[in-house]
All heavy atoms as atom14 arrays in JSON, in Angstrom:
{
  "sequence": "AAVAVAIMSGAELGLKPMVSLRSFTVINGKPALYGDG",
  "atom14_mask": [
    [1, 1, 1, 1, 1, 0, 0, 0, 0, 0, 0, 0, 0, 0],
    [1, 1, 1, 1, 1, 0, 0, 0, 0, 0, 0, 0, 0, 0],
    [1, 1, 1, 1, 1, 1, 1, 0, 0, 0, 0, 0, 0, 0],
    [1, 1, 1, 1, 1, 0, 0, 0, 0, 0, 0, 0, 0, 0],
    [1, 1, 1, 1, 1, 1, 1, 0, 0, 0, 0, 0, 0, 0],
    [1, 1, 1, 1, 1, 0, 0, 0, 0, 0, 0, 0, 0, 0],
    [1, 1, 1, 1, 1, 1, 1, 1, 0, 0, 0, 0, 0, 0],
    [1, 1, 1, 1, 1, 1, 1, 1, 0, 0, 0, 0, 0, 0],
    [1, 1, 1, 1, 1, 1, 0, 0, 0, 0, 0, 0, 0, 0],
    [1, 1, 1, 1, 0, 0, 0, 0, 0, 0, 0, 0, 0, 0],
    [1, 1, 1, 1, 1, 0, 0, 0, 0, 0, 0, 0, 0, 0],
    [1, 1, 1, 1, 1, 1, 1, 1, 1, 0, 0, 0, 0, 0],
    [1, 1, 1, 1, 1, 1, 1, 1, 0, 0, 0, 0, 0, 0],
    [1, 1, 1, 1, 0, 0, 0, 0, 0, 0, 0, 0, 0, 0],
    [1, 1, 1, 1, 1, 1, 1, 1, 0, 0, 0, 0, 0, 0],
    [1, 1, 1, 1, 1, 1, 1, 1, 1, 0, 0, 0, 0, 0],
    [1, 1, 1, 1, 1, 1, 1, 0, 0, 0, 0, 0, 0, 0],
    [1, 1, 1, 1, 1, 1, 1, 1, 0, 0, 0, 0, 0, 0],
    [1, 1, 1, 1, 1, 1, 1, 0, 0, 0, 0, 0, 0, 0],
    [1, 1, 1, 1, 1, 1, 0, 0, 0, 0, 0, 0, 0, 0],
    [1, 1, 1, 1, 1, 1, 1, 1, 0, 0, 0, 0, 0, 0],
    [1, 1, 1, 1, 1, 1, 1, 1, 1, 1, 1, 0, 0, 0],
    [1, 1, 1, 1, 1, 1, 0, 0, 0, 0, 0, 0, 0, 0],
    [1, 1, 1, 1, 1, 1, 1, 1, 1, 1, 1, 0, 0, 0],
    [1, 1, 1, 1, 1, 1, 1, 0, 0, 0, 0, 0, 0, 0],
    [1, 1, 1, 1, 1, 1, 1, 0, 0, 0, 0, 0, 0, 0],
    [1, 1, 1, 1, 1, 1, 1, 1, 0, 0, 0, 0, 0, 0],
    [1, 1, 1, 1, 1, 1, 1, 1, 0, 0, 0, 0, 0, 0],
    [1, 1, 1, 1, 0, 0, 0, 0, 0, 0, 0, 0, 0, 0],
    [1, 1, 1, 1, 1, 1, 1, 1, 1, 0, 0, 0, 0, 0],
    [1, 1, 1, 1, 1, 1, 1, 0, 0, 0, 0, 0, 0, 0],
    [1, 1, 1, 1, 1, 0, 0, 0, 0, 0, 0, 0, 0, 0],
    [1, 1, 1, 1, 1, 1, 1, 1, 0, 0, 0, 0, 0, 0],
    [1, 1, 1, 1, 1, 1, 1, 1, 1, 1, 1, 1, 0, 0],
    [1, 1, 1, 1, 0, 0, 0, 0, 0, 0, 0, 0, 0, 0],
    [1, 1, 1, 1, 1, 1, 1, 1, 0, 0, 0, 0, 0, 0],
    [1, 1, 1, 1, 0, 0, 0, 0, 0, 0, 0, 0, 0, 0]
  ],
  "atom14_positions": [
    [[0.83, -1.21, 0.0], [0.0, 0.0, 0.0], [0.86, 1.26, 0.0], [0.53, 2.25, -0.67], [-0.94, -0.01, 1.2], [0.0, 0.0, 0.0], [0.0, 0.0, 0.0], [0.0, 0.0, 0.0], [0.0, 0.0, 0.0], [0.0, 0.0, 0.0], [0.0, 0.0, 0.0], [0.0, 0.0, 0.0], [0.0, 0.0, 0.0], [0.0, 0.0, 0.0]],
    [[1.98, 1.24, 0.76], [2.88, 2.39, 0.78], [3.48, 2.62, -0.6], [3.6, 3.77, -1.06], [3.99, 2.17, 1.81], [0.0, 0.0, 0.0], [0.0, 0.0, 0.0], [0.0, 0.0, 0.0], [0.0, 0.0, 0.0], [0.0, 0.0, 0.0], [0.0, 0.0, 0.0], [0.0, 0.0, 0.0], [0.0, 0.0, 0.0], [0.0, 0.0, 0.0]],
    [[3.84, 1.53, -1.28], [4.37, 1.64, -2.65], [3.29, 2.2, -3.58], [3.56, 3.05, -4.43], [4.87, 0.28, -3.14], [5.25, 0.35, -4.62], [6.07, -0.17, -2.33], [0.0, 0.0, 0.0], [0.0, 0.0, 0.0], [0.0, 0.0, 0.0], [0.0, 0.0, 0.0], [0.0, 0.0, 0.0], [0.0, 0.0, 0.0], [0.0, 0.0, 0.0]],
    [[2.04, 1.71, -3.42], [0.95, 2.17, -4.28], [0.68, 3.66, -4.09], [0.42, 4.38, -5.05], [-0.32, 1.36, -3.98], [0.0, 0.0, 0.0], [0.0, 0.0, 0.0], [0.0, 0.0, 0.0], [0.0, 0.0, 0.0], [0.0, 0.0, 0.0], [0.0, 0.0, 0.0], [0.0, 0.0, 0.0], [0.0, 0.0, 0.0], [0.0, 0.0, 0.0]],
    [[0.75, 4.13, -2.83], [0.55, 5.56, -2.56], [1.61, 6.39, -3.27], [1.32, 7.44, -3.85], [0.56, 5.83, -1.04], [0.64, 7.32, -0.77], [-0.68, 5.25, -0.39], [0.0, 0.0, 0.0], [0.0, 0.0, 0.0], [0.0, 0.0, 0.0], [0.0, 0.0, 0.0], [0.0, 0.0, 0.0], [0.0, 0.0, 0.0], [0.0, 0.0, 0.0]],
    [[2.86, 5.93, -3.23], [3.94, 6.66, -3.9], [3.71, 6.68, -5.41], [3.93, 7.7, -6.08], [5.28, 6.02, -3.57], [0.0, 0.0, 0.0], [0.0, 0.0, 0.0], [0.0, 0.0, 0.0], [0.0, 0.0, 0.0], [0.0, 0.0, 0.0], [0.0, 0.0, 0.0], [0.0, 0.0, 0.0], [0.0, 0.0, 0.0], [0.0, 0.0, 0.0]],
    [[3.26, 5.55, -5.98], [3.02, 5.48, -7.43], [1.88, 6.42, -7.82], [1.97, 7.16, -8.81], [2.7, 4.03, -7.84], [3.95, 3.16, -7.69], [2.2, 3.99, -9.28], [3.71, 1.69, -7.95], [0.0, 0.0, 0.0], [0.0, 0.0, 0.0], [0.0, 0.0, 0.0], [0.0, 0.0, 0.0], [0.0, 0.0, 0.0], [0.0, 0.0, 0.0]],
    [[0.79, 6.4, -7.04], [-0.35, 7.27, -7.36], [0.01, 8.75, -7.18], [-0.42, 9.59, -7.97], [-1.53, 6.9, -6.46], [-2.15, 5.54, -6.79], [-3.69, 5.2, -5.87], [-3.03, 5.04, -4.2], [0.0, 0.0, 0.0], [0.0, 0.0, 0.0], [0.0, 0.0, 0.0], [0.0, 0.0, 0.0], [0.0, 0.0, 0.0], [0.0, 0.0, 0.0]],
    [[0.78, 9.06, -6.15], [1.2, 10.45, -5.96], [2.07, 10.93, -7.1], [1.94, 12.07, -7.57], [1.96, 10.59, -4.63], [1.14, 10.23, -3.54], [0.0, 0.0, 0.0], [0.0, 0.0, 0.0], [0.0, 0.0, 0.0], [0.0, 0.0, 0.0], [0.0, 0.0, 0.0], [0.0, 0.0, 0.0], [0.0, 0.0, 0.0], [0.0, 0.0, 0.0]],
    [[2.96, 10.06, -7.57], [3.81, 10.42, -8.7], [3.02, 10.55, -9.99], [3.32, 11.42, -10.83], [0.0, 0.0, 0.0], [0.0, 0.0, 0.0], [0.0, 0.0, 0.0], [0.0, 0.0, 0.0], [0.0, 0.0, 0.0], [0.0, 0.0, 0.0], [0.0, 0.0, 0.0], [0.0, 0.0, 0.0], [0.0, 0.0, 0.0], [0.0, 0.0, 0.0]],
    [[1.99, 9.7, -10.17], [1.19, 9.76, -11.39], [0.5, 11.11, -11.52], [0.34, 11.63, -12.64], [0.16, 8.63, -11.39], [0.0, 0.0, 0.0], [0.0, 0.0, 0.0], [0.0, 0.0, 0.0], [0.0, 0.0, 0.0], [0.0, 0.0, 0.0], [0.0, 0.0, 0.0], [0.0, 0.0, 0.0], [0.0, 0.0, 0.0], [0.0, 0.0, 0.0]],
    [[0.08, 11.68, -10.39], [-0.58, 12.98, -10.44], [0.38, 14.08, -10.89], [-0.06, 15.14, -11.34], [-1.15, 13.33, -9.06], [-2.27, 12.41, -8.62], [-2.79, 12.75, -7.23], [-2.17, 13.64, -6.59], [-3.78, 12.15, -6.8], [0.0, 0.0, 0.0], [0.0, 0.0, 0.0], [0.0, 0.0, 0.0], [0.0, 0.0, 0.0], [0.0, 0.0, 0.0]],
    [[1.68, 13.83, -10.76], [2.68, 14.81, -11.17], [3.33, 14.45, -12.5], [4.3, 15.09, -12.92], [3.77, 14.93, -10.09], [3.27, 15.35, -8.7], [4.44, 15.37, -7.72], [2.59, 16.7, -8.74], [0.0, 0.0, 0.0], [0.0, 0.0, 0.0], [0.0, 0.0, 0.0], [0.0, 0.0, 0.0], [0.0, 0.0, 0.0], [0.0, 0.0, 0.0]],
    [[2.81, 13.38, -13.14], [3.35, 12.99, -14.44], [4.54, 12.07, -14.39], [5.25, 11.92, -15.38], [0.0, 0.0, 0.0], [0.0, 0.0, 0.0], [0.0, 0.0, 0.0], [0.0, 0.0, 0.0], [0.0, 0.0, 0.0], [0.0, 0.0, 0.0], [0.0, 0.0, 0.0], [0.0, 0.0, 0.0], [0.0, 0.0, 0.0], [0.0, 0.0, 0.0]],
    [[4.79, 11.42, -13.24], [5.93, 10.52, -13.1], [5.51, 9.08, -13.35], [4.43, 8.65, -12.93], [6.54, 10.63, -11.7], [7.11, 11.99, -11.29], [7.61, 11.94, -9.86], [8.22, 12.42, -12.23], [0.0, 0.0, 0.0], [0.0, 0.0, 0.0], [0.0, 0.0, 0.0], [0.0, 0.0, 0.0], [0.0, 0.0, 0.0], [0.0, 0.0, 0.0]],
    [[6.37, 8.31, -14.01], [6.11, 6.89, -14.23], [6.3, 6.15, -12.91], [6.97, 6.63, -12.0], [7.04, 6.35, -15.3], [6.83, 7.0, -16.67], [7.81, 6.46, -17.69], [7.53, 7.06, -19.07], [7.78, 8.52, -19.1], [0.0, 0.0, 0.0], [0.0, 0.0, 0.0], [0.0, 0.0, 0.0], [0.0, 0.0, 0.0], [0.0, 0.0, 0.0]],
    [[5.72, 4.94, -12.78], [5.72, 4.22, -11.49], [7.1, 4.06, -10.86], [7.3, 4.39, -9.69], [5.1, 2.87, -11.84], [4.19, 3.16, -12.98], [4.89, 4.22, -13.79], [0.0, 0.0, 0.0], [0.0, 0.0, 0.0], [0.0, 0.0, 0.0], [0.0, 0.0, 0.0], [0.0, 0.0, 0.0], [0.0, 0.0, 0.0], [0.0, 0.0, 0.0]],
    [[8.07, 3.55, -11.6], [9.38, 3.3, -11.01], [10.13, 4.6, -10.72], [10.92, 4.67, -9.78], [10.22, 2.39, -11.9], [9.59, 1.03, -12.16], [9.02, 0.19, -10.66], [10.59, -0.19, -9.89], [0.0, 0.0, 0.0], [0.0, 0.0, 0.0], [0.0, 0.0, 0.0], [0.0, 0.0, 0.0], [0.0, 0.0, 0.0], [0.0, 0.0, 0.0]],
    [[9.87, 5.63, -11.53], [10.46, 6.94, -11.24], [9.87, 7.49, -9.95], [10.56, 8.1, -9.14], [10.23, 7.92, -12.4], [10.77, 9.31, -12.06], [10.88, 7.41, -13.67], [0.0, 0.0, 0.0], [0.0, 0.0, 0.0], [0.0, 0.0, 0.0], [0.0, 0.0, 0.0], [0.0, 0.0, 0.0], [0.0, 0.0, 0.0], [0.0, 0.0, 0.0]],
    [[8.57, 7.25, -9.73], [7.93, 7.71, -8.49], [8.58, 7.07, -7.27], [8.79, 7.72, -6.25], [6.43, 7.35, -8.52], [5.78, 8.04, -9.56], [0.0, 0.0, 0.0], [0.0, 0.0, 0.0], [0.0, 0.0, 0.0], [0.0, 0.0, 0.0], [0.0, 0.0, 0.0], [0.0, 0.0, 0.0], [0.0, 0.0, 0.0], [0.0, 0.0, 0.0]],
    [[8.91, 5.77, -7.38], [9.53, 5.08, -6.24], [10.9, 5.64, -5.93], [11.35, 5.63, -4.79], [9.64, 3.58, -6.52], [8.31, 2.84, -6.65], [8.56, 1.35, -6.84], [7.44, 3.06, -5.43], [0.0, 0.0, 0.0], [0.0, 0.0, 0.0], [0.0, 0.0, 0.0], [0.0, 0.0, 0.0], [0.0, 0.0, 0.0], [0.0, 0.0, 0.0]],
    [[11.58, 6.14, -6.95], [12.91, 6.73, -6.72], [12.82, 8.18, -6.26], [13.79, 8.73, -5.75], [13.75, 6.65, -8.0], [14.11, 5.24, -8.42], [15.16, 5.25, -9.52], [14.66, 5.82, -10.75], [14.09, 5.12, -11.73], [13.93, 3.81, -11.58], [13.67, 5.7, -12.83], [0.0, 0.0, 0.0], [0.0, 0.0, 0.0], [0.0, 0.0, 0.0]],
    [[11.66, 8.8, -6.45], [11.51, 10.23, -6.14], [10.7, 10.5, -4.89], [10.83, 11.56, -4.29], [10.85, 10.96, -7.32], [11.59, 10.79, -8.52], [0.0, 0.0, 0.0], [0.0, 0.0, 0.0], [0.0, 0.0, 0.0], [0.0, 0.0, 0.0], [0.0, 0.0, 0.0], [0.0, 0.0, 0.0], [0.0, 0.0, 0.0], [0.0, 0.0, 0.0]],
    [[9.83, 9.54, -4.5], [8.9, 9.77, -3.41], [9.29, 8.99, -2.16], [9.92, 7.94, -2.22], [7.49, 9.32, -3.81], [6.63, 10.44, -4.33], [6.55, 10.65, -5.69], [5.92, 11.28, -3.49], [5.76, 11.68, -6.2], [5.14, 12.3, -3.98], [5.07, 12.5, -5.34], [0.0, 0.0, 0.0], [0.0, 0.0, 0.0], [0.0, 0.0, 0.0]],
    [[8.89, 9.53, -1.04], [8.9, 8.82, 0.23], [7.59, 9.17, 0.93], [6.92, 10.14, 0.57], [10.1, 9.2, 1.1], [10.1, 8.39, 2.29], [10.07, 10.66, 1.5], [0.0, 0.0, 0.0], [0.0, 0.0, 0.0], [0.0, 0.0, 0.0], [0.0, 0.0, 0.0], [0.0, 0.0, 0.0], [0.0, 0.0, 0.0], [0.0, 0.0, 0.0]],
    [[7.19, 8.37, 1.9], [5.97, 8.63, 2.66], [6.34, 8.77, 4.12], [6.94, 7.87, 4.71], [4.94, 7.5, 2.47], [3.71, 7.76, 3.33], [4.54, 7.39, 1.0], [0.0, 0.0, 0.0], [0.0, 0.0, 0.0], [0.0, 0.0, 0.0], [0.0, 0.0, 0.0], [0.0, 0.0, 0.0], [0.0, 0.0, 0.0], [0.0, 0.0, 0.0]],
    [[6.0, 9.91, 4.72], [6.34, 10.21, 6.11], [5.06, 10.49, 6.86], [4.34, 11.44, 6.54], [7.3, 11.41, 6.2], [8.57, 11.14, 5.39], [7.66, 11.71, 7.64], [9.45, 12.34, 5.2], [0.0, 0.0, 0.0], [0.0, 0.0, 0.0], [0.0, 0.0, 0.0], [0.0, 0.0, 0.0], [0.0, 0.0, 0.0], [0.0, 0.0, 0.0]],
    [[4.76, 9.65, 7.85], [3.52, 9.79, 8.62], [2.29, 9.87, 7.71], [1.37, 10.66, 7.94], [3.59, 11.04, 9.51], [4.22, 10.73, 10.85], [4.85, 9.69, 11.03], [4.1, 11.64, 11.79], [0.0, 0.0, 0.0], [0.0, 0.0, 0.0], [0.0, 0.0, 0.0], [0.0, 0.0, 0.0], [0.0, 0.0, 0.0], [0.0, 0.0, 0.0]],
    [[2.31, 9.05, 6.65], [1.18, 9.02, 5.74], [1.15, 10.16, 4.75], [0.21, 10.26, 3.95], [0.0, 0.0, 0.0], [0.0, 0.0, 0.0], [0.0, 0.0, 0.0], [0.0, 0.0, 0.0], [0.0, 0.0, 0.0], [0.0, 0.0, 0.0], [0.0, 0.0, 0.0], [0.0, 0.0, 0.0], [0.0, 0.0, 0.0], [0.0, 0.0, 0.0]],
    [[2.16, 11.03, 4.77], [2.19, 12.16, 3.85], [3.26, 11.91, 2.78], [4.43, 11.75, 3.1], [2.51, 13.46, 4.6], [1.49, 13.83, 5.66], [1.89, 15.13, 6.34], [0.87, 15.53, 7.41], [0.87, 14.61, 8.55], [0.0, 0.0, 0.0], [0.0, 0.0, 0.0], [0.0, 0.0, 0.0], [0.0, 0.0, 0.0], [0.0, 0.0, 0.0]],
    [[2.89, 11.88, 1.5], [3.89, 11.71, 0.44], [4.76, 12.96, 0.32], [4.28, 14.08, 0.44], [3.05, 11.48, -0.82], [1.73, 12.12, -0.52], [1.52, 11.98, 0.97], [0.0, 0.0, 0.0], [0.0, 0.0, 0.0], [0.0, 0.0, 0.0], [0.0, 0.0, 0.0], [0.0, 0.0, 0.0], [0.0, 0.0, 0.0], [0.0, 0.0, 0.0]],
    [[6.03, 12.75, 0.09], [6.97, 13.88, -0.06], [8.0, 13.52, -1.1], [8.33, 12.34, -1.3], [7.65, 14.2, 1.28], [0.0, 0.0, 0.0], [0.0, 0.0, 0.0], [0.0, 0.0, 0.0], [0.0, 0.0, 0.0], [0.0, 0.0, 0.0], [0.0, 0.0, 0.0], [0.0, 0.0, 0.0], [0.0, 0.0, 0.0], [0.0, 0.0, 0.0]],
    [[8.5, 14.52, -1.79], [9.52, 14.32, -2.82], [10.91, 14.58, -2.26], [11.09, 15.46, -1.42], [9.28, 15.28, -3.99], [8.18, 14.93, -4.99], [7.9, 16.12, -5.89], [8.56, 13.72, -5.82], [0.0, 0.0, 0.0], [0.0, 0.0, 0.0], [0.0, 0.0, 0.0], [0.0, 0.0, 0.0], [0.0, 0.0, 0.0], [0.0, 0.0, 0.0]],
    [[11.87, 13.78, -2.71], [13.26, 14.11, -2.42], [13.6, 15.42, -3.12], [12.91, 15.85, -4.05], [14.19, 13.0, -2.9], [14.03, 11.7, -2.16], [13.53, 10.57, -2.79], [14.37, 11.61, -0.81], [13.38, 9.38, -2.1], [14.22, 10.42, -0.11], [13.73, 9.31, -0.76], [13.57, 8.14, -0.07], [0.0, 0.0, 0.0], [0.0, 0.0, 0.0]],
    [[14.68, 16.05, -2.66], [15.04, 17.36, -3.22], [15.22, 17.33, -4.73], [14.72, 18.19, -5.45], [0.0, 0.0, 0.0], [0.0, 0.0, 0.0], [0.0, 0.0, 0.0], [0.0, 0.0, 0.0], [0.0, 0.0, 0.0], [0.0, 0.0, 0.0], [0.0, 0.0, 0.0], [0.0, 0.0, 0.0], [0.0, 0.0, 0.0], [0.0, 0.0, 0.0]],
    [[15.93, 16.31, -5.25], [16.12, 16.23, -6.69], [14.83, 15.83, -7.39], [14.61, 16.17, -8.55], [17.24, 15.26, -7.03], [17.08, 13.92, -6.35], [16.15, 13.76, -5.54], [17.89, 13.01, -6.61], [0.0, 0.0, 0.0], [0.0, 0.0, 0.0], [0.0, 0.0, 0.0], [0.0, 0.0, 0.0], [0.0, 0.0, 0.0], [0.0, 0.0, 0.0]],
    [[13.94, 15.09, -6.69], [12.65, 14.74, -7.28], [11.78, 15.96, -7.5], [11.06, 16.07, -8.5], [0.0, 0.0, 0.0], [0.0, 0.0, 0.0], [0.0, 0.0, 0.0], [0.0, 0.0, 0.0], [0.0, 0.0, 0.0], [0.0, 0.0, 0.0], [0.0, 0.0, 0.0], [0.0, 0.0, 0.0], [0.0, 0.0, 0.0], [0.0, 0.0, 0.0]]
  ]
}
């Protein structure tokens, strides 16, 4: 589910699934992007 949330959050920003996993993290249920993401 945590992976799915990251994929869906990235999709809203135009990121492909695996790119989302490299760019997103989830902290206390809140998705956040790494600085380079």
